[in-house]
Amino acid sequence: MPRQLTMNRAVVLLSGGLDSATTLYAAKEKGYECSCITFDYGQRHRREIASAKKIAKLSGCDIHVQKIAFPWKGSSLLDESKRIRETHHTQKGVIPLTYVSGRNIVFLSLALSYAEVVHARAIFIGANVMDYSGYPDCRPEFLQSFEAMAASGTKCGVEGKKIKIVAPLVRKTKADIVRLAVKLGVPIKHTWSCYEGKRRPCGKCDSCYYRAHGFKEAGVVDPALFT
């Protein structure tokens, strides 16, 4: 049975990575009762899904794993025949090969449906433009547009009970995020950011590079390297 409407209920997109885990704990710190949603969307590995489940459990939140597919692929995260390029930077105006077409649009749409049914008033997403500015669906203007669309295209929206899209990390550097994660008590050692799904992070992909740079700049040792 759907729960009663509450200003303090939120759906959190939880991928299992550092950013999404920190976003979950930021939502909890703001007093939200959180339900998490993660996606099995045909990505190269399921390691991050296991991390999402572990983080949700440790945070005391429920989690829904939604299986979807992008059968047309088009991304190196979905097509193992494509090499994950190791550029260690985002060239302005160039969309990375790891971009999954429409991913955050699809994820947020499903999260919106979930949020409306469980009477949540906010959706939290760990989108960030500082290190991954090549992804168009991580920009503030996209998130603002999605929120406006949700307000006009849902029952709760037209009834004046719109669902907010909250991205607390959107303009933070990776070092800022590391410091916030430590402050909030995020179980960092259980997060997974690597594009590969091996036993240990590869240390070579862009995601590993930016994560390592953030921990170094923050002056914090990454506990995930020793699990």
C-alpha atoms as a PDB file:
ATOM      1  CA  MET A   1       0.000   0.000   0.000  1.00  0.00           C
ATOM      2  CA  PRO A   2       1.397   3.459  -0.913  1.00  0.00           C
ATOM      3  CA  ARG A   3       2.555   5.432   2.091  1.00  0.00           C
ATOM      4  CA  GLN A   4       0.980   8.680   3.108  1.00  0.00           C
ATOM      5  CA  LEU A   5       2.229  11.869   1.497  1.00  0.00           C
ATOM      6  CA  THR A   6       5.137  13.343   3.395  1.00  0.00           C
ATOM      7  CA  MET A   7       7.414  16.267   2.707  1.00  0.00           C
ATOM      8  CA  ASN A   8      10.274  14.133   4.032  1.00  0.00           C
ATOM      9  CA  ARG A   9      10.117  11.163   1.683  1.00  0.00           C
ATOM     10  CA  ALA A  10      12.526  10.820  -1.228  1.00  0.00           C
ATOM     11  CA  VAL A  11      13.571   8.383  -3.927  1.00  0.00           C
ATOM     12  CA  VAL A  12      17.352   8.213  -4.399  1.00  0.00           C
ATOM     13  CA  LEU A  13      19.088   7.022  -7.556  1.00  0.00           C
ATOM     14  CA  LEU A  14      21.790   4.765  -6.125  1.00  0.00           C
ATOM     15  CA  SER A  15      24.308   3.339  -8.594  1.00  0.00           C
ATOM     16  CA  GLY A  16      26.742   2.073  -5.964  1.00  0.00           C
ATOM     17  CA  GLY A  17      29.382   4.676  -6.739  1.00  0.00           C
ATOM     18  CA  LEU A  18      30.869   7.335  -4.491  1.00  0.00           C
ATOM     19  CA  ASP A  19      28.691  10.165  -5.805  1.00  0.00           C
ATOM     20  CA  SER A  20      25.360   8.368  -5.488  1.00  0.00           C
ATOM     21  CA  ALA A  21      26.226   6.972  -2.033  1.00  0.00           C
ATOM     22  CA  THR A  22      27.163  10.456  -0.834  1.00  0.00           C
ATOM     23  CA  THR A  23      23.911  11.766  -2.307  1.00  0.00           C
ATOM     24  CA  LEU A  24      21.944   9.156  -0.346  1.00  0.00           C
ATOM     25  CA  TYR A  25      23.618  10.143   2.915  1.00  0.00           C
ATOM     26  CA  ALA A  26      23.115  13.834   2.111  1.00  0.00           C
ATOM     27  CA  ALA A  27      19.397  13.168   1.650  1.00  0.00           C
ATOM     28  CA  LYS A  28      19.259  11.321   4.959  1.00  0.00           C
ATOM     29  CA  GLU A  29      21.154  14.157   6.648  1.00  0.00           C
ATOM     30  CA  LYS A  30      18.458  16.539   5.401  1.00  0.00           C
ATOM     31  CA  GLY A  31      15.859  14.427   7.196  1.00  0.00           C
ATOM     32  CA  TYR A  32      14.427  12.512   4.243  1.00  0.00           C
ATOM     33  CA  GLU A  33      13.068   8.986   4.561  1.00  0.00           C
ATOM     34  CA  CYS A  34      14.723   7.404   1.535  1.00  0.00           C
ATOM     35  CA  SER A  35      13.875   4.610  -0.848  1.00  0.00           C
ATOM     36  CA  CYS A  36      16.632   3.711  -3.288  1.00  0.00           C
ATOM     37  CA  ILE A  37      16.403   2.572  -6.879  1.00  0.00           C
ATOM     38  CA  THR A  38      19.237   1.092  -8.920  1.00  0.00           C
ATOM     39  CA  PHE A  39      19.292  -0.193 -12.475  1.00  0.00           C
ATOM     40  CA  ASP A  40      20.478  -3.385 -14.095  1.00  0.00           C
ATOM     41  CA  TYR A  41      20.620  -1.961 -17.614  1.00  0.00           C
ATOM     42  CA  GLY A  42      23.038  -4.272 -19.388  1.00  0.00           C
ATOM     43  CA  GLN A  43      26.197  -2.562 -18.151  1.00  0.00           C
ATOM     44  CA  ARG A  44      29.508  -4.405 -18.491  1.00  0.00           C
ATOM     45  CA  HIS A  45      29.389  -5.730 -14.926  1.00  0.00           C
ATOM     46  CA  ARG A  46      27.106  -6.140 -11.911  1.00  0.00           C
ATOM     47  CA  ARG A  47      29.707  -5.120  -9.334  1.00  0.00           C
ATOM     48  CA  GLU A  48      28.116  -1.710  -8.846  1.00  0.00           C
ATOM     49  CA  ILE A  49      24.695  -3.263  -8.248  1.00  0.00           C
ATOM     50  CA  ALA A  50      26.131  -5.352  -5.409  1.00  0.00           C
ATOM     51  CA  SER A  51      27.637  -2.162  -3.976  1.00  0.00           C
ATOM     52  CA  ALA A  52      24.301  -0.342  -4.223  1.00  0.00           C
ATOM     53  CA  LYS A  53      22.565  -3.122  -2.312  1.00  0.00           C
ATOM     54  CA  LYS A  54      25.242  -3.110   0.386  1.00  0.00           C
ATOM     55  CA  ILE A  55      25.142   0.680   0.792  1.00  0.00           C
ATOM     56  CA  ALA A  56      21.350   0.723   0.979  1.00  0.00           C
ATOM     57  CA  LYS A  57      21.428  -1.965   3.667  1.00  0.00           C
ATOM     58  CA  LEU A  58      24.049  -0.141   5.695  1.00  0.00           C
ATOM     59  CA  SER A  59      22.067   3.091   5.460  1.00  0.00           C
ATOM     60  CA  GLY A  60      18.883   1.396   6.655  1.00  0.00           C
ATOM     61  CA  CYS A  61      17.051   2.121   3.396  1.00  0.00           C
ATOM     62  CA  ASP A  62      15.088  -0.171   1.124  1.00  0.00           C
ATOM     63  CA  ILE A  63      16.246  -0.623  -2.464  1.00  0.00           C
ATOM     64  CA  HIS A  64      14.500  -1.615  -5.673  1.00  0.00           C
ATOM     65  CA  VAL A  65      16.604  -3.101  -8.474  1.00  0.00           C
ATOM     66  CA  GLN A  66      14.979  -2.373 -11.825  1.00  0.00           C
ATOM     67  CA  LYS A  67      16.035  -4.370 -14.867  1.00  0.00           C
ATOM     68  CA  ILE A  68      15.871  -2.495 -18.165  1.00  0.00           C
ATOM     69  CA  ALA A  69      17.725  -2.727 -21.480  1.00  0.00           C
ATOM     70  CA  PHE A  70      19.363  -0.542 -24.088  1.00  0.00           C
ATOM     71  CA  PRO A  71      19.564  -3.258 -26.781  1.00  0.00           C
ATOM     72  CA  TRP A  72      20.874  -0.805 -29.396  1.00  0.00           C
ATOM     73  CA  LYS A  73      23.921  -0.261 -27.139  1.00  0.00           C
ATOM     74  CA  GLY A  74      25.932   2.701 -28.516  1.00  0.00           C
ATOM     75  CA  SER A  75      28.170   3.032 -25.451  1.00  0.00           C
ATOM     76  CA  SER A  76      31.391   1.387 -24.357  1.00  0.00           C
ATOM     77  CA  LEU A  77      29.658   0.665 -21.040  1.00  0.00           C
ATOM     78  CA  LEU A  78      27.143  -1.533 -22.881  1.00  0.00           C
ATOM     79  CA  ASP A  79      29.217  -2.996 -25.694  1.00  0.00           C
ATOM     80  CA  GLU A  80      32.196  -5.110 -24.660  1.00  0.00           C
ATOM     81  CA  SER A  81      33.541  -4.965 -28.204  1.00  0.00           C
ATOM     82  CA  LYS A  82      34.258  -1.276 -27.599  1.00  0.00           C
ATOM     83  CA  ARG A  83      37.333  -0.356 -25.597  1.00  0.00           C
ATOM     84  CA  ILE A  84      36.803   1.927 -22.605  1.00  0.00           C
ATOM     85  CA  ARG A  85      38.983   4.841 -23.610  1.00  0.00           C
ATOM     86  CA  GLU A  86      41.402   6.089 -20.963  1.00  0.00           C
ATOM     87  CA  THR A  87      41.635   9.835 -21.664  1.00  0.00           C
ATOM     88  CA  HIS A  88      41.758  11.093 -18.063  1.00  0.00           C
ATOM     89  CA  HIS A  89      40.165  14.335 -19.120  1.00  0.00           C
ATOM     90  CA  THR A  90      37.039  15.556 -20.810  1.00  0.00           C
ATOM     91  CA  GLN A  91      37.738  17.582 -23.918  1.00  0.00           C
ATOM     92  CA  LYS A  92      35.299  20.457 -24.183  1.00  0.00           C
ATOM     93  CA  GLY A  93      32.501  19.711 -26.608  1.00  0.00           C
ATOM     94  CA  VAL A  94      33.357  16.004 -26.902  1.00  0.00           C
ATOM     95  CA  ILE A  95      30.928  13.454 -25.487  1.00  0.00           C
ATOM     96  CA  PRO A  96      32.824  10.496 -23.906  1.00  0.00           C
ATOM     97  CA  LEU A  97      32.467   7.006 -25.379  1.00  0.00           C
ATOM     98  CA  THR A  98      31.037   5.907 -22.001  1.00  0.00           C
ATOM     99  CA  TYR A  99      27.963   8.108 -22.554  1.00  0.00           C
ATOM    100  CA  VAL A 100      24.780   5.998 -22.604  1.00  0.00           C
ATOM    101  CA  SER A 101      22.181   7.704 -24.765  1.00  0.00           C
ATOM    102  CA  GLY A 102      19.256   8.993 -22.699  1.00  0.00           C
ATOM    103  CA  ARG A 103      20.328   7.105 -19.579  1.00  0.00           C
ATOM    104  CA  ASN A 104      19.480   9.753 -16.983  1.00  0.00           C
ATOM    105  CA  ILE A 105      16.267  10.605 -18.824  1.00  0.00           C
ATOM    106  CA  VAL A 106      15.195   6.959 -18.550  1.00  0.00           C
ATOM    107  CA  PHE A 107      16.439   6.582 -14.967  1.00  0.00           C
ATOM    108  CA  LEU A 108      14.742   9.766 -13.783  1.00  0.00           C
ATOM    109  CA  SER A 109      11.515   8.858 -15.574  1.00  0.00           C
ATOM    110  CA  LEU A 110      11.313   5.518 -13.777  1.00  0.00           C
ATOM    111  CA  ALA A 111      12.299   7.160 -10.491  1.00  0.00           C
ATOM    112  CA  LEU A 112       9.557   9.741 -11.066  1.00  0.00           C
ATOM    113  CA  SER A 113       6.946   7.021 -11.545  1.00  0.00           C
ATOM    114  CA  TYR A 114       8.190   5.295  -8.385  1.00  0.00           C
ATOM    115  CA  ALA A 115       8.208   8.555  -6.429  1.00  0.00           C
ATOM    116  CA  GLU A 116       4.664   9.431  -7.408  1.00  0.00           C
ATOM    117  CA  VAL A 117       3.339   6.033  -6.369  1.00  0.00           C
ATOM    118  CA  VAL A 118       5.066   6.057  -2.954  1.00  0.00           C
ATOM    119  CA  HIS A 119       4.153   9.727  -2.391  1.00  0.00           C
ATOM    120  CA  ALA A 120       7.729  10.993  -2.342  1.00  0.00           C
ATOM    121  CA  ARG A 121       8.255  14.701  -2.847  1.00  0.00           C
ATOM    122  CA  ALA A 122      11.870  14.597  -4.027  1.00  0.00           C
ATOM    123  CA  ILE A 123      14.192  12.574  -6.238  1.00  0.00           C
ATOM    124  CA  PHE A 124      17.890  12.755  -5.375  1.00  0.00           C
ATOM    125  CA  ILE A 125      20.496  12.152  -8.069  1.00  0.00           C
ATOM    126  CA  GLY A 126      24.292  12.272  -7.803  1.00  0.00           C
ATOM    127  CA  ALA A 127      24.780  14.144 -11.096  1.00  0.00           C
ATOM    128  CA  ASN A 128      27.976  16.161 -11.291  1.00  0.00           C
ATOM    129  CA  VAL A 129      29.300  18.517 -13.982  1.00  0.00           C
ATOM    130  CA  MET A 130      32.748  19.268 -12.586  1.00  0.00           C
ATOM    131  CA  ASP A 131      34.635  16.117 -13.544  1.00  0.00           C
ATOM    132  CA  TYR A 132      32.254  14.655 -16.107  1.00  0.00           C
ATOM    133  CA  SER A 133      31.132  17.753 -18.000  1.00  0.00           C
ATOM    134  CA  GLY A 134      30.927  15.731 -21.204  1.00  0.00           C
ATOM    135  CA  TYR A 135      27.645  14.154 -20.125  1.00  0.00           C
ATOM    136  CA  PRO A 136      24.754  16.422 -21.193  1.00  0.00           C
ATOM    137  CA  ASP A 137      22.299  14.695 -18.848  1.00  0.00           C
ATOM    138  CA  CYS A 138      24.309  15.701 -15.759  1.00  0.00           C
ATOM    139  CA  ARG A 139      23.950  19.452 -16.288  1.00  0.00           C
ATOM    140  CA  PRO A 140      21.818  21.688 -14.028  1.00  0.00           C
ATOM    141  CA  GLU A 141      19.817  22.955 -17.001  1.00  0.00           C
ATOM    142  CA  PHE A 142      18.804  19.410 -17.893  1.00  0.00           C
ATOM    143  CA  LEU A 143      17.735  18.648 -14.321  1.00  0.00           C
ATOM    144  CA  GLN A 144      15.732  21.869 -14.144  1.00  0.00           C
ATOM    145  CA  SER A 145      14.026  21.021 -17.431  1.00  0.00           C
ATOM    146  CA  PHE A 146      13.183  17.535 -16.219  1.00  0.00           C
ATOM    147  CA  GLU A 147      11.663  18.930 -13.028  1.00  0.00           C
ATOM    148  CA  ALA A 148       9.509  21.305 -15.084  1.00  0.00           C
ATOM    149  CA  MET A 149       8.403  18.438 -17.324  1.00  0.00           C
ATOM    150  CA  ALA A 150       7.538  16.320 -14.285  1.00  0.00           C
ATOM    151  CA  ALA A 151       5.442  19.145 -12.861  1.00  0.00           C
ATOM    152  CA  SER A 152       3.344  19.331 -16.023  1.00  0.00           C
ATOM    153  CA  GLY A 153       3.200  15.630 -16.852  1.00  0.00           C
ATOM    154  CA  THR A 154       2.214  13.921 -13.589  1.00  0.00           C
ATOM    155  CA  LYS A 155      -0.928  13.775 -11.498  1.00  0.00           C
ATOM    156  CA  CYS A 156       0.844  15.075  -8.412  1.00  0.00           C
ATOM    157  CA  GLY A 157       2.369  17.897 -10.444  1.00  0.00           C
ATOM    158  CA  VAL A 158      -0.896  19.206 -11.853  1.00  0.00           C
ATOM    159  CA  GLU A 159      -2.413  18.934  -8.373  1.00  0.00           C
ATOM    160  CA  GLY A 160       0.251  21.308  -7.059  1.00  0.00           C
ATOM    161  CA  LYS A 161       2.367  18.642  -5.307  1.00  0.00           C
ATOM    162  CA  LYS A 162       5.354  18.670  -7.621  1.00  0.00           C
ATOM    163  CA  ILE A 163       8.316  16.380  -7.124  1.00  0.00           C
ATOM    164  CA  LYS A 164      11.666  18.146  -6.813  1.00  0.00           C
ATOM    165  CA  ILE A 165      14.806  16.941  -8.571  1.00  0.00           C
ATOM    166  CA  VAL A 166      17.667  17.431  -6.111  1.00  0.00           C
ATOM    167  CA  ALA A 167      21.324  17.159  -7.153  1.00  0.00           C
ATOM    168  CA  PRO A 168      23.371  18.165  -4.092  1.00  0.00           C
ATOM    169  CA  LEU A 169      26.728  17.383  -5.751  1.00  0.00           C
ATOM    170  CA  VAL A 170      26.147  18.947  -9.140  1.00  0.00           C
ATOM    171  CA  ARG A 171      28.773  21.697  -8.814  1.00  0.00           C
ATOM    172  CA  LYS A 172      31.142  20.061  -6.325  1.00  0.00           C
ATOM    173  CA  THR A 173      34.636  18.898  -7.214  1.00  0.00           C
ATOM    174  CA  LYS A 174      35.537  15.284  -6.593  1.00  0.00           C
ATOM    175  CA  ALA A 175      37.632  16.384  -3.608  1.00  0.00           C
ATOM    176  CA  ASP A 176      34.592  18.226  -2.216  1.00  0.00           C
ATOM    177  CA  ILE A 177      32.559  15.056  -2.593  1.00  0.00           C
ATOM    178  CA  VAL A 178      35.195  12.971  -0.805  1.00  0.00           C
ATOM    179  CA  ARG A 179      35.273  15.419   2.109  1.00  0.00           C
ATOM    180  CA  LEU A 180      31.469  15.423   2.299  1.00  0.00           C
ATOM    181  CA  ALA A 181      31.359  11.615   2.194  1.00  0.00           C
ATOM    182  CA  VAL A 182      33.775  11.429   5.130  1.00  0.00           C
ATOM    183  CA  LYS A 183      31.781  14.036   7.050  1.00  0.00           C
ATOM    184  CA  LEU A 184      28.486  12.185   6.497  1.00  0.00           C
ATOM    185  CA  GLY A 185      29.904   8.774   7.406  1.00  0.00           C
ATOM    186  CA  VAL A 186      29.380   7.233   3.975  1.00  0.00           C
ATOM    187  CA  PRO A 187      30.639   3.605   3.879  1.00  0.00           C
ATOM    188  CA  ILE A 188      33.176   4.544   1.207  1.00  0.00           C
ATOM    189  CA  LYS A 189      34.947   1.193   1.175  1.00  0.00           C
ATOM    190  CA  HIS A 190      31.797  -0.425  -0.211  1.00  0.00           C
ATOM    191  CA  THR A 191      31.369   2.018  -3.115  1.00  0.00           C
ATOM    192  CA  TRP A 192      32.400   1.074  -6.641  1.00  0.00           C
ATOM    193  CA  SER A 193      33.328   3.592  -9.332  1.00  0.00           C
ATOM    194  CA  CYS A 194      35.474   1.595 -11.783  1.00  0.00           C
ATOM    195  CA  TYR A 195      34.095   0.949 -15.265  1.00  0.00           C
ATOM    196  CA  GLU A 196      35.531  -2.565 -15.055  1.00  0.00           C
ATOM    197  CA  GLY A 197      33.943  -5.178 -12.828  1.00  0.00           C
ATOM    198  CA  LYS A 198      36.992  -6.994 -11.583  1.00  0.00           C
ATOM    199  CA  ARG A 199      37.923  -7.806  -7.988  1.00  0.00           C
ATOM    200  CA  ARG A 200      39.857  -4.551  -7.609  1.00  0.00           C
ATOM    201  CA  PRO A 201      39.457  -1.178  -9.365  1.00  0.00           C
ATOM    202  CA  CYS A 202      41.495  -1.081 -12.577  1.00  0.00           C
ATOM    203  CA  GLY A 203      43.058   2.285 -11.731  1.00  0.00           C
ATOM    204  CA  LYS A 204      43.199   3.205 -15.426  1.00  0.00           C
ATOM    205  CA  CYS A 205      39.712   4.183 -16.585  1.00  0.00           C
ATOM    206  CA  ASP A 206      38.505   7.776 -16.336  1.00  0.00           C
ATOM    207  CA  SER A 207      36.257   6.980 -13.394  1.00  0.00           C
ATOM    208  CA  CYS A 208      39.164   5.532 -11.424  1.00  0.00           C
ATOM    209  CA  TYR A 209      41.373   8.454 -12.427  1.00  0.00           C
ATOM    210  CA  TYR A 210      38.974  11.148 -11.232  1.00  0.00           C
ATOM    211  CA  ARG A 211      38.217   9.240  -8.042  1.00  0.00           C
ATOM    212  CA  ALA A 212      41.923   8.856  -7.223  1.00  0.00           C
ATOM    213  CA  HIS A 213      42.538  12.528  -8.007  1.00  0.00           C
ATOM    214  CA  GLY A 214      39.678  13.544  -5.689  1.00  0.00           C
ATOM    215  CA  PHE A 215      40.959  11.474  -2.770  1.00  0.00           C
ATOM    216  CA  LYS A 216      44.492  12.762  -3.284  1.00  0.00           C
ATOM    217  CA  GLU A 217      43.347  16.387  -3.392  1.00  0.00           C
ATOM    218  CA  ALA A 218      41.192  15.864  -0.293  1.00  0.00           C
ATOM    219  CA  GLY A 219      44.091  14.284   1.577  1.00  0.00           C
ATOM    220  CA  VAL A 220      42.120  11.098   2.262  1.00  0.00           C
ATOM    221  CA  VAL A 221      43.115   7.475   1.639  1.00  0.00           C
ATOM    222  CA  ASP A 222      40.529   5.619  -0.456  1.00  0.00           C
ATOM    223  CA  PRO A 223      39.477   2.597   1.654  1.00  0.00           C
ATOM    224  CA  ALA A 224      38.000   0.861  -1.391  1.00  0.00           C
ATOM    225  CA  LEU A 225      41.532   0.121  -2.595  1.00  0.00           C
ATOM    226  CA  PHE A 226      42.103  -2.164   0.384  1.00  0.00           C
ATOM    227  CA  THR A 227      38.930  -4.264   0.450  1.00  0.00           C
END
